[in-house]
Structure formats: structure tokens, C-alpha cells
Full PDB file with SEQRES, HELIX, SHEET, SSBOND, CRYST1, ORIGX, SCALE, CONECT and MASTER records, all heavy atoms in Angstrom:
SEQRES   1 A   38  SER ARG SER ARG ASP GLY ASN THR MET ILE VAL GLU ASN          
SEQRES   2 A   38  VAL GLY PRO ARG ASP PRO GLY SER TYR TRP LEU VAL LYS          
SEQRES   3 A   38  ASP GLY GLN MET ALA LYS LEU GLY SER THR ASN PRO              
SHEET    1 AA1 3 THR A   8  GLY A  15  0                                        
SHEET    2 AA1 3 ASP A  18  LYS A  26 -1                                        
SHEET    3 AA1 3 GLN A  29  SER A  35 -1                                        
CRYST1    1.000    1.000    1.000  90.00  90.00  90.00 P 1           1          
ORIGX1      1.000000  0.000000  0.000000        0.00000                         
ORIGX2      0.000000  1.000000  0.000000        0.00000                         
ORIGX3      0.000000  0.000000  1.000000        0.00000                         
SCALE1      1.000000  0.000000  0.000000        0.00000                         
SCALE2      0.000000  1.000000  0.000000        0.00000                         
SCALE3      0.000000  0.000000  1.000000        0.00000                         
ATOM      1  N   SER A   1       1.718  -3.898   7.124  1.00  0.00           N  
ATOM      2  CA  SER A   1       2.997  -3.942   7.834  1.00  0.00           C  
ATOM      3  C   SER A   1       3.544  -2.523   7.917  1.00  0.00           C  
ATOM      4  O   SER A   1       3.239  -1.666   7.076  1.00  0.00           O  
ATOM      5  CB  SER A   1       4.002  -4.868   7.135  1.00  0.00           C  
ATOM      6  OG  SER A   1       4.204  -4.474   5.783  1.00  0.00           O  
ATOM      7  N   ARG A   2       4.377  -2.283   8.932  1.00  0.00           N  
ATOM      8  CA  ARG A   2       4.935  -0.946   9.140  1.00  0.00           C  
ATOM      9  C   ARG A   2       6.269  -1.083   9.860  1.00  0.00           C  
ATOM     10  O   ARG A   2       6.459  -1.992  10.685  1.00  0.00           O  
ATOM     11  CB  ARG A   2       3.964  -0.095   9.967  1.00  0.00           C  
ATOM     12  CG  ARG A   2       4.303   1.395  10.013  1.00  0.00           C  
ATOM     13  CD  ARG A   2       3.212   2.176  10.722  1.00  0.00           C  
ATOM     14  NE  ARG A   2       3.526   3.609  10.754  1.00  0.00           N  
ATOM     15  CZ  ARG A   2       2.781   4.526  11.348  1.00  0.00           C  
ATOM     16  NH1 ARG A   2       1.648   4.163  11.971  1.00  0.00           N  
ATOM     17  NH2 ARG A   2       3.125   5.797  11.335  1.00  0.00           N  
ATOM     18  N   SER A   3       7.197  -0.219   9.531  1.00  0.00           N  
ATOM     19  CA  SER A   3       8.509  -0.257  10.169  1.00  0.00           C  
ATOM     20  C   SER A   3       8.420   0.221  11.615  1.00  0.00           C  
ATOM     21  O   SER A   3       7.481   0.907  12.011  1.00  0.00           O  
ATOM     22  CB  SER A   3       9.502   0.614   9.398  1.00  0.00           C  
ATOM     23  OG  SER A   3       9.055   1.960   9.357  1.00  0.00           O  
ATOM     24  N   ARG A   4       9.427  -0.143  12.386  1.00  0.00           N  
ATOM     25  CA  ARG A   4       9.432   0.218  13.807  1.00  0.00           C  
ATOM     26  C   ARG A   4       9.419   1.729  14.020  1.00  0.00           C  
ATOM     27  O   ARG A   4       8.832   2.221  14.985  1.00  0.00           O  
ATOM     28  CB  ARG A   4      10.662  -0.387  14.499  1.00  0.00           C  
ATOM     29  CG  ARG A   4      10.581  -1.870  14.771  1.00  0.00           C  
ATOM     30  CD  ARG A   4      11.757  -2.334  15.609  1.00  0.00           C  
ATOM     31  NE  ARG A   4      13.020  -2.175  14.908  1.00  0.00           N  
ATOM     32  CZ  ARG A   4      13.590  -3.109  14.151  1.00  0.00           C  
ATOM     33  NH1 ARG A   4      12.974  -4.279  13.989  1.00  0.00           N  
ATOM     34  NH2 ARG A   4      14.744  -2.886  13.553  1.00  0.00           N  
ATOM     35  N   ASP A   5      10.086   2.461  13.114  1.00  0.00           N  
ATOM     36  CA  ASP A   5      10.115   3.918  13.284  1.00  0.00           C  
ATOM     37  C   ASP A   5       8.860   4.593  12.748  1.00  0.00           C  
ATOM     38  O   ASP A   5       8.692   5.813  12.882  1.00  0.00           O  
ATOM     39  CB  ASP A   5      11.368   4.517  12.634  1.00  0.00           C  
ATOM     40  CG  ASP A   5      11.426   4.314  11.121  1.00  0.00           C  
ATOM     41  OD1 ASP A   5      10.412   3.899  10.517  1.00  0.00           O  
ATOM     42  OD2 ASP A   5      12.501   4.564  10.541  1.00  0.00           O  
ATOM     43  N   GLY A   6       7.964   3.821  12.117  1.00  0.00           N  
ATOM     44  CA  GLY A   6       6.700   4.347  11.633  1.00  0.00           C  
ATOM     45  C   GLY A   6       6.773   5.055  10.296  1.00  0.00           C  
ATOM     46  O   GLY A   6       5.734   5.451   9.754  1.00  0.00           O  
ATOM     47  N   ASN A   7       7.971   5.209   9.712  1.00  0.00           N  
ATOM     48  CA  ASN A   7       8.126   6.014   8.509  1.00  0.00           C  
ATOM     49  C   ASN A   7       7.836   5.266   7.210  1.00  0.00           C  
ATOM     50  O   ASN A   7       7.707   5.895   6.156  1.00  0.00           O  
ATOM     51  CB  ASN A   7       9.550   6.589   8.445  1.00  0.00           C  
ATOM     52  CG  ASN A   7       9.807   7.586   9.560  1.00  0.00           C  
ATOM     53  OD1 ASN A   7       8.885   8.276  10.002  1.00  0.00           O  
ATOM     54  ND2 ASN A   7      11.040   7.647  10.040  1.00  0.00           N  
ATOM     55  N   THR A   8       7.779   3.947   7.269  1.00  0.00           N  
ATOM     56  CA  THR A   8       7.544   3.146   6.070  1.00  0.00           C  
ATOM     57  C   THR A   8       6.429   2.154   6.361  1.00  0.00           C  
ATOM     58  O   THR A   8       6.430   1.499   7.408  1.00  0.00           O  
ATOM     59  CB  THR A   8       8.819   2.386   5.657  1.00  0.00           C  
ATOM     60  OG1 THR A   8       9.900   3.317   5.526  1.00  0.00           O  
ATOM     61  CG2 THR A   8       8.620   1.670   4.333  1.00  0.00           C  
ATOM     62  N   MET A   9       5.479   2.045   5.430  1.00  0.00           N  
ATOM     63  CA  MET A   9       4.372   1.102   5.640  1.00  0.00           C  
ATOM     64  C   MET A   9       3.855   0.584   4.305  1.00  0.00           C  
ATOM     65  O   MET A   9       4.033   1.221   3.260  1.00  0.00           O  
ATOM     66  CB  MET A   9       3.237   1.755   6.430  1.00  0.00           C  
ATOM     67  CG  MET A   9       2.509   2.860   5.701  1.00  0.00           C  
ATOM     68  SD  MET A   9       1.262   3.710   6.733  1.00  0.00           S  
ATOM     69  CE  MET A   9       2.304   4.854   7.646  1.00  0.00           C  
ATOM     70  N   ILE A  10       3.232  -0.567   4.366  1.00  0.00           N  
ATOM     71  CA  ILE A  10       2.513  -1.125   3.226  1.00  0.00           C  
ATOM     72  C   ILE A  10       1.024  -1.048   3.542  1.00  0.00           C  
ATOM     73  O   ILE A  10       0.577  -1.505   4.600  1.00  0.00           O  
ATOM     74  CB  ILE A  10       2.910  -2.587   2.942  1.00  0.00           C  
ATOM     75  CG1 ILE A  10       4.399  -2.673   2.624  1.00  0.00           C  
ATOM     76  CG2 ILE A  10       2.080  -3.154   1.793  1.00  0.00           C  
ATOM     77  CD1 ILE A  10       4.823  -1.899   1.399  1.00  0.00           C  
ATOM     78  N   VAL A  11       0.273  -0.458   2.613  1.00  0.00           N  
ATOM     79  CA  VAL A  11      -1.166  -0.275   2.782  1.00  0.00           C  
ATOM     80  C   VAL A  11      -1.878  -1.089   1.716  1.00  0.00           C  
ATOM     81  O   VAL A  11      -1.487  -1.069   0.537  1.00  0.00           O  
ATOM     82  CB  VAL A  11      -1.549   1.210   2.653  1.00  0.00           C  
ATOM     83  CG1 VAL A  11      -3.045   1.394   2.854  1.00  0.00           C  
ATOM     84  CG2 VAL A  11      -0.761   2.054   3.652  1.00  0.00           C  
ATOM     85  N   GLU A  12      -2.911  -1.811   2.122  1.00  0.00           N  
ATOM     86  CA  GLU A  12      -3.734  -2.577   1.180  1.00  0.00           C  
ATOM     87  C   GLU A  12      -5.134  -1.975   1.133  1.00  0.00           C  
ATOM     88  O   GLU A  12      -5.707  -1.643   2.175  1.00  0.00           O  
ATOM     89  CB  GLU A  12      -3.829  -4.042   1.595  1.00  0.00           C  
ATOM     90  CG  GLU A  12      -4.667  -4.886   0.648  1.00  0.00           C  
ATOM     91  CD  GLU A  12      -4.947  -6.286   1.168  1.00  0.00           C  
ATOM     92  OE1 GLU A  12      -4.778  -6.524   2.387  1.00  0.00           O  
ATOM     93  OE2 GLU A  12      -5.335  -7.156   0.364  1.00  0.00           O  
ATOM     94  N   ASN A  13      -5.667  -1.846  -0.066  1.00  0.00           N  
ATOM     95  CA  ASN A  13      -7.061  -1.451  -0.244  1.00  0.00           C  
ATOM     96  C   ASN A  13      -7.796  -2.567  -0.961  1.00  0.00           C  
ATOM     97  O   ASN A  13      -7.268  -3.188  -1.889  1.00  0.00           O  
ATOM     98  CB  ASN A  13      -7.174  -0.169  -1.076  1.00  0.00           C  
ATOM     99  CG  ASN A  13      -8.622   0.231  -1.321  1.00  0.00           C  
ATOM    100  OD1 ASN A  13      -9.378   0.422  -0.382  1.00  0.00           O  
ATOM    101  ND2 ASN A  13      -9.026   0.333  -2.590  1.00  0.00           N  
ATOM    102  N   VAL A  14      -9.018  -2.838  -0.537  1.00  0.00           N  
ATOM    103  CA  VAL A  14      -9.851  -3.812  -1.231  1.00  0.00           C  
ATOM    104  C   VAL A  14     -11.289  -3.328  -1.167  1.00  0.00           C  
ATOM    105  O   VAL A  14     -11.741  -2.790  -0.159  1.00  0.00           O  
ATOM    106  CB  VAL A  14      -9.699  -5.226  -0.615  1.00  0.00           C  
ATOM    107  CG1 VAL A  14     -10.131  -5.251   0.846  1.00  0.00           C  
ATOM    108  CG2 VAL A  14     -10.468  -6.264  -1.413  1.00  0.00           C  
ATOM    109  N   GLY A  15     -12.004  -3.491  -2.270  1.00  0.00           N  
ATOM    110  CA  GLY A  15     -13.391  -3.043  -2.335  1.00  0.00           C  
ATOM    111  C   GLY A  15     -14.022  -3.432  -3.653  1.00  0.00           C  
ATOM    112  O   GLY A  15     -13.380  -4.074  -4.504  1.00  0.00           O  
ATOM    113  N   PRO A  16     -15.269  -3.062  -3.874  1.00  0.00           N  
ATOM    114  CA  PRO A  16     -15.975  -3.473  -5.085  1.00  0.00           C  
ATOM    115  C   PRO A  16     -15.264  -3.090  -6.377  1.00  0.00           C  
ATOM    116  O   PRO A  16     -15.353  -3.818  -7.369  1.00  0.00           O  
ATOM    117  CB  PRO A  16     -17.323  -2.750  -4.962  1.00  0.00           C  
ATOM    118  CG  PRO A  16     -17.519  -2.557  -3.494  1.00  0.00           C  
ATOM    119  CD  PRO A  16     -16.149  -2.314  -2.948  1.00  0.00           C  
ATOM    120  N   ARG A  17     -14.545  -1.968  -6.390  1.00  0.00           N  
ATOM    121  CA  ARG A  17     -13.845  -1.546  -7.604  1.00  0.00           C  
ATOM    122  C   ARG A  17     -12.327  -1.702  -7.511  1.00  0.00           C  
ATOM    123  O   ARG A  17     -11.585  -1.166  -8.326  1.00  0.00           O  
ATOM    124  CB  ARG A  17     -14.223  -0.098  -7.945  1.00  0.00           C  
ATOM    125  CG  ARG A  17     -15.693   0.034  -8.356  1.00  0.00           C  
ATOM    126  CD  ARG A  17     -16.047   1.453  -8.734  1.00  0.00           C  
ATOM    127  NE  ARG A  17     -17.458   1.559  -9.104  1.00  0.00           N  
ATOM    128  CZ  ARG A  17     -17.916   1.461 -10.357  1.00  0.00           C  
ATOM    129  NH1 ARG A  17     -17.076   1.233 -11.345  1.00  0.00           N  
ATOM    130  NH2 ARG A  17     -19.207   1.583 -10.613  1.00  0.00           N  
ATOM    131  N   ASP A  18     -11.887  -2.454  -6.512  1.00  0.00           N  
ATOM    132  CA  ASP A  18     -10.460  -2.728  -6.343  1.00  0.00           C  
ATOM    133  C   ASP A  18     -10.306  -4.107  -5.722  1.00  0.00           C  
ATOM    134  O   ASP A  18     -10.545  -4.290  -4.530  1.00  0.00           O  
ATOM    135  CB  ASP A  18      -9.815  -1.664  -5.447  1.00  0.00           C  
ATOM    136  CG  ASP A  18      -8.311  -1.839  -5.311  1.00  0.00           C  
ATOM    137  OD1 ASP A  18      -7.780  -2.870  -5.762  1.00  0.00           O  
ATOM    138  OD2 ASP A  18      -7.668  -0.934  -4.745  1.00  0.00           O  
ATOM    139  N   PRO A  19      -9.904  -5.117  -6.531  1.00  0.00           N  
ATOM    140  CA  PRO A  19      -9.796  -6.469  -5.979  1.00  0.00           C  
ATOM    141  C   PRO A  19      -8.702  -6.615  -4.941  1.00  0.00           C  
ATOM    142  O   PRO A  19      -8.647  -7.618  -4.223  1.00  0.00           O  
ATOM    143  CB  PRO A  19      -9.478  -7.320  -7.219  1.00  0.00           C  
ATOM    144  CG  PRO A  19      -8.858  -6.374  -8.196  1.00  0.00           C  
ATOM    145  CD  PRO A  19      -9.546  -5.057  -7.951  1.00  0.00           C  
ATOM    146  N   GLY A  20      -7.851  -5.612  -4.833  1.00  0.00           N  
ATOM    147  CA  GLY A  20      -6.768  -5.630  -3.861  1.00  0.00           C  
ATOM    148  C   GLY A  20      -5.561  -4.921  -4.439  1.00  0.00           C  
ATOM    149  O   GLY A  20      -4.949  -5.410  -5.391  1.00  0.00           O  
ATOM    150  N   SER A  21      -5.218  -3.753  -3.904  1.00  0.00           N  
ATOM    151  CA  SER A  21      -4.040  -3.023  -4.365  1.00  0.00           C  
ATOM    152  C   SER A  21      -3.113  -2.775  -3.190  1.00  0.00           C  
ATOM    153  O   SER A  21      -3.550  -2.657  -2.041  1.00  0.00           O  
ATOM    154  CB  SER A  21      -4.438  -1.699  -5.022  1.00  0.00           C  
ATOM    155  OG  SER A  21      -5.156  -0.867  -4.125  1.00  0.00           O  
ATOM    156  N   TYR A  22      -1.793  -2.713  -3.496  1.00  0.00           N  
ATOM    157  CA  TYR A  22      -0.781  -2.546  -2.460  1.00  0.00           C  
ATOM    158  C   TYR A  22      -0.015  -1.248  -2.716  1.00  0.00           C  
ATOM    159  O   TYR A  22       0.406  -0.970  -3.852  1.00  0.00           O  
ATOM    160  CB  TYR A  22       0.185  -3.731  -2.458  1.00  0.00           C  
ATOM    161  CG  TYR A  22      -0.482  -5.029  -2.075  1.00  0.00           C  
ATOM    162  CD1 TYR A  22      -1.030  -5.867  -3.042  1.00  0.00           C  
ATOM    163  CD2 TYR A  22      -0.587  -5.411  -0.739  1.00  0.00           C  
ATOM    164  CE1 TYR A  22      -1.652  -7.055  -2.695  1.00  0.00           C  
ATOM    165  CE2 TYR A  22      -1.204  -6.601  -0.387  1.00  0.00           C  
ATOM    166  CZ  TYR A  22      -1.736  -7.410  -1.365  1.00  0.00           C  
ATOM    167  OH  TYR A  22      -2.358  -8.576  -1.012  1.00  0.00           O  
ATOM    168  N   TRP A  23       0.153  -0.483  -1.638  1.00  0.00           N  
ATOM    169  CA  TRP A  23       0.745   0.837  -1.730  1.00  0.00           C  
ATOM    170  C   TRP A  23       1.892   0.958  -0.736  1.00  0.00           C  
ATOM    171  O   TRP A  23       1.772   0.537   0.419  1.00  0.00           O  
ATOM    172  CB  TRP A  23      -0.304   1.909  -1.420  1.00  0.00           C  
ATOM    173  CG  TRP A  23      -1.467   1.873  -2.365  1.00  0.00           C  
ATOM    174  CD1 TRP A  23      -2.512   0.991  -2.361  1.00  0.00           C  
ATOM    175  CD2 TRP A  23      -1.684   2.741  -3.472  1.00  0.00           C  
ATOM    176  NE1 TRP A  23      -3.375   1.257  -3.388  1.00  0.00           N  
ATOM    177  CE2 TRP A  23      -2.891   2.337  -4.100  1.00  0.00           C  
ATOM    178  CE3 TRP A  23      -0.992   3.834  -3.995  1.00  0.00           C  
ATOM    179  CZ2 TRP A  23      -3.403   2.979  -5.204  1.00  0.00           C  
ATOM    180  CZ3 TRP A  23      -1.501   4.480  -5.104  1.00  0.00           C  
ATOM    181  CH2 TRP A  23      -2.694   4.049  -5.695  1.00  0.00           C  
ATOM    182  N   LEU A  24       2.999   1.537  -1.201  1.00  0.00           N  
ATOM    183  CA  LEU A  24       4.126   1.841  -0.333  1.00  0.00           C  
ATOM    184  C   LEU A  24       4.045   3.298   0.103  1.00  0.00           C  
ATOM    185  O   LEU A  24       3.949   4.196  -0.733  1.00  0.00           O  
ATOM    186  CB  LEU A  24       5.447   1.602  -1.069  1.00  0.00           C  
ATOM    187  CG  LEU A  24       6.720   2.083  -0.338  1.00  0.00           C  
ATOM    188  CD1 LEU A  24       6.942   1.297   0.947  1.00  0.00           C  
ATOM    189  CD2 LEU A  24       7.932   1.989  -1.257  1.00  0.00           C  
ATOM    190  N   VAL A  25       4.057   3.514   1.412  1.00  0.00           N  
ATOM    191  CA  VAL A  25       4.156   4.865   1.968  1.00  0.00           C  
ATOM    192  C   VAL A  25       5.498   4.953   2.681  1.00  0.00           C  
ATOM    193  O   VAL A  25       5.773   4.181   3.602  1.00  0.00           O  
ATOM    194  CB  VAL A  25       3.003   5.167   2.944  1.00  0.00           C  
ATOM    195  CG1 VAL A  25       3.172   6.550   3.550  1.00  0.00           C  
ATOM    196  CG2 VAL A  25       1.660   5.046   2.239  1.00  0.00           C  
ATOM    197  N   LYS A  26       6.335   5.871   2.204  1.00  0.00           N  
ATOM    198  CA  LYS A  26       7.688   5.997   2.770  1.00  0.00           C  
ATOM    199  C   LYS A  26       8.068   7.469   2.839  1.00  0.00           C  
ATOM    200  O   LYS A  26       8.071   8.165   1.811  1.00  0.00           O  
ATOM    201  CB  LYS A  26       8.705   5.232   1.914  1.00  0.00           C  
ATOM    202  CG  LYS A  26      10.148   5.308   2.415  1.00  0.00           C  
ATOM    203  CD  LYS A  26      11.053   4.434   1.572  1.00  0.00           C  
ATOM    204  CE  LYS A  26      12.526   4.680   1.899  1.00  0.00           C  
ATOM    205  NZ  LYS A  26      12.826   4.358   3.319  1.00  0.00           N  
ATOM    206  N   ASP A  27       8.350   7.926   4.037  1.00  0.00           N  
ATOM    207  CA  ASP A  27       8.800   9.301   4.250  1.00  0.00           C  
ATOM    208  C   ASP A  27       7.867  10.321   3.597  1.00  0.00           C  
ATOM    209  O   ASP A  27       8.299  11.274   2.942  1.00  0.00           O  
ATOM    210  CB  ASP A  27      10.224   9.482   3.712  1.00  0.00           C  
ATOM    211  CG  ASP A  27      11.231   8.558   4.403  1.00  0.00           C  
ATOM    212  OD1 ASP A  27      11.034   8.291   5.606  1.00  0.00           O  
ATOM    213  OD2 ASP A  27      12.174   8.111   3.740  1.00  0.00           O  
ATOM    214  N   GLY A  28       6.558  10.096   3.754  1.00  0.00           N  
ATOM    215  CA  GLY A  28       5.575  11.049   3.261  1.00  0.00           C  
ATOM    216  C   GLY A  28       5.227  10.917   1.798  1.00  0.00           C  
ATOM    217  O   GLY A  28       4.414  11.695   1.284  1.00  0.00           O  
ATOM    218  N   GLN A  29       5.818   9.948   1.084  1.00  0.00           N  
ATOM    219  CA  GLN A  29       5.496   9.705  -0.317  1.00  0.00           C  
ATOM    220  C   GLN A  29       4.770   8.378  -0.455  1.00  0.00           C  
ATOM    221  O   GLN A  29       5.003   7.443   0.308  1.00  0.00           O  
ATOM    222  CB  GLN A  29       6.757   9.709  -1.175  1.00  0.00           C  
ATOM    223  CG  GLN A  29       7.470  11.049  -1.215  1.00  0.00           C  
ATOM    224  CD  GLN A  29       8.659  11.049  -2.156  1.00  0.00           C  
ATOM    225  OE1 GLN A  29       9.311  10.037  -2.346  1.00  0.00           O  
ATOM    226  NE2 GLN A  29       8.935  12.196  -2.757  1.00  0.00           N  
ATOM    227  N   MET A  30       3.884   8.290  -1.442  1.00  0.00           N  
ATOM    228  CA  MET A  30       3.072   7.088  -1.621  1.00  0.00           C  
ATOM    229  C   MET A  30       3.122   6.643  -3.082  1.00  0.00           C  
ATOM    230  O   MET A  30       3.037   7.477  -3.996  1.00  0.00           O  
ATOM    231  CB  MET A  30       1.619   7.360  -1.214  1.00  0.00           C  
ATOM    232  CG  MET A  30       0.709   6.148  -1.326  1.00  0.00           C  
ATOM    233  SD  MET A  30      -0.908   6.422  -0.545  1.00  0.00           S  
ATOM    234  CE  MET A  30      -1.606   7.649  -1.639  1.00  0.00           C  
ATOM    235  N   ALA A  31       3.246   5.338  -3.306  1.00  0.00           N  
ATOM    236  CA  ALA A  31       3.271   4.806  -4.664  1.00  0.00           C  
ATOM    237  C   ALA A  31       2.599   3.446  -4.690  1.00  0.00           C  
ATOM    238  O   ALA A  31       2.708   2.662  -3.741  1.00  0.00           O  
ATOM    239  CB  ALA A  31       4.702   4.681  -5.171  1.00  0.00           C  
ATOM    240  N   LYS A  32       1.909   3.170  -5.791  1.00  0.00           N  
ATOM    241  CA  LYS A  32       1.270   1.874  -5.957  1.00  0.00           C  
ATOM    242  C   LYS A  32       2.302   0.838  -6.382  1.00  0.00           C  
ATOM    243  O   LYS A  32       3.079   1.060  -7.311  1.00  0.00           O  
ATOM    244  CB  LYS A  32       0.150   1.957  -7.002  1.00  0.00           C  
ATOM    245  CG  LYS A  32      -0.660   0.678  -7.126  1.00  0.00           C  
ATOM    246  CD  LYS A  32      -1.819   0.853  -8.106  1.00  0.00           C  
ATOM    247  CE  LYS A  32      -2.647  -0.417  -8.214  1.00  0.00           C  
ATOM    248  NZ  LYS A  32      -3.789  -0.262  -9.146  1.00  0.00           N  
ATOM    249  N   LEU A  33       2.289  -0.305  -5.703  1.00  0.00           N  
ATOM    250  CA  LEU A  33       3.234  -1.377  -5.983  1.00  0.00           C  
ATOM    251  C   LEU A  33       2.662  -2.455  -6.893  1.00  0.00           C  
ATOM    252  O   LEU A  33       3.391  -3.076  -7.661  1.00  0.00           O  
ATOM    253  CB  LEU A  33       3.699  -2.031  -4.678  1.00  0.00           C  
ATOM    254  CG  LEU A  33       4.489  -1.137  -3.722  1.00  0.00           C  
ATOM    255  CD1 LEU A  33       4.749  -1.875  -2.431  1.00  0.00           C  
ATOM    256  CD2 LEU A  33       5.793  -0.693  -4.358  1.00  0.00           C  
ATOM    257  N   GLY A  34       1.379  -2.727  -6.799  1.00  0.00           N  
ATOM    258  CA  GLY A  34       0.796  -3.791  -7.597  1.00  0.00           C  
ATOM    259  C   GLY A  34      -0.624  -4.073  -7.182  1.00  0.00           C  
ATOM    260  O   GLY A  34      -1.172  -3.434  -6.286  1.00  0.00           O  
ATOM    261  N   SER A  35      -1.203  -5.072  -7.851  1.00  0.00           N  
ATOM    262  CA  SER A  35      -2.617  -5.386  -7.649  1.00  0.00           C  
ATOM    263  C   SER A  35      -2.834  -6.885  -7.683  1.00  0.00           C  
ATOM    264  O   SER A  35      -2.098  -7.623  -8.346  1.00  0.00           O  
ATOM    265  CB  SER A  35      -3.461  -4.711  -8.739  1.00  0.00           C  
ATOM    266  OG  SER A  35      -4.803  -5.125  -8.666  1.00  0.00           O  
ATOM    267  N   THR A  36      -3.876  -7.303  -6.982  1.00  0.00           N  
ATOM    268  CA  THR A  36      -4.290  -8.702  -7.035  1.00  0.00           C  
ATOM    269  C   THR A  36      -4.660  -9.107  -8.458  1.00  0.00           C  
ATOM    270  O   THR A  36      -4.359 -10.217  -8.890  1.00  0.00           O  
ATOM    271  CB  THR A  36      -5.491  -8.924  -6.092  1.00  0.00           C  
ATOM    272  OG1 THR A  36      -5.080  -8.631  -4.757  1.00  0.00           O  
ATOM    273  CG2 THR A  36      -5.985 -10.355  -6.156  1.00  0.00           C  
ATOM    274  N   ASN A  37      -5.323  -8.202  -9.178  1.00  0.00           N  
ATOM    275  CA  ASN A  37      -5.635  -8.449 -10.582  1.00  0.00           C  
ATOM    276  C   ASN A  37      -5.497  -7.134 -11.349  1.00  0.00           C  
ATOM    277  O   ASN A  37      -6.448  -6.370 -11.468  1.00  0.00           O  
ATOM    278  CB  ASN A  37      -7.039  -9.024 -10.756  1.00  0.00           C  
ATOM    279  CG  ASN A  37      -7.272  -9.562 -12.162  1.00  0.00           C  
ATOM    280  OD1 ASN A  37      -6.673  -9.087 -13.129  1.00  0.00           O  
ATOM    281  ND2 ASN A  37      -8.137 -10.560 -12.284  1.00  0.00           N  
ATOM    282  N   PRO A  38      -4.297  -6.857 -11.893  1.00  0.00           N  
ATOM    283  CA  PRO A  38      -4.063  -5.562 -12.546  1.00  0.00           C  
ATOM    284  C   PRO A  38      -4.782  -5.409 -13.879  1.00  0.00           C  
ATOM    285  O   PRO A  38      -4.783  -4.318 -14.447  1.00  0.00           O  
ATOM    286  CB  PRO A  38      -2.542  -5.558 -12.748  1.00  0.00           C  
ATOM    287  CG  PRO A  38      -2.159  -6.998 -12.801  1.00  0.00           C  
ATOM    288  CD  PRO A  38      -3.089  -7.691 -11.856  1.00  0.00           C  
TER     289      PRO A  38                                                      
MASTER        0    0    0    0    3    0    0    6  288    1    0    3          
END                                                                             
């Protein structure tokens, strides 16, 4: 998902060494929010 102005988005990664992680990107900064299995 991403905001209309493009400045905020949620990014998901999934792969063999990541069951699913969620990242917030906002105004050029990025932080991990959580995981499918932390």
C-alpha cells in the first residue's frame, strides 16, 4: 500500500530466510514494523 502523495508506503518482503516482514517507508526513512513469524 502507498499514500496518494507517494511519501508513505508499506513494503513486504518474503523469501526463504524471511517468512514475511513488513516495513514502513515514510519521508525517506524506513523501519521494520513486524513479521509473520518473529
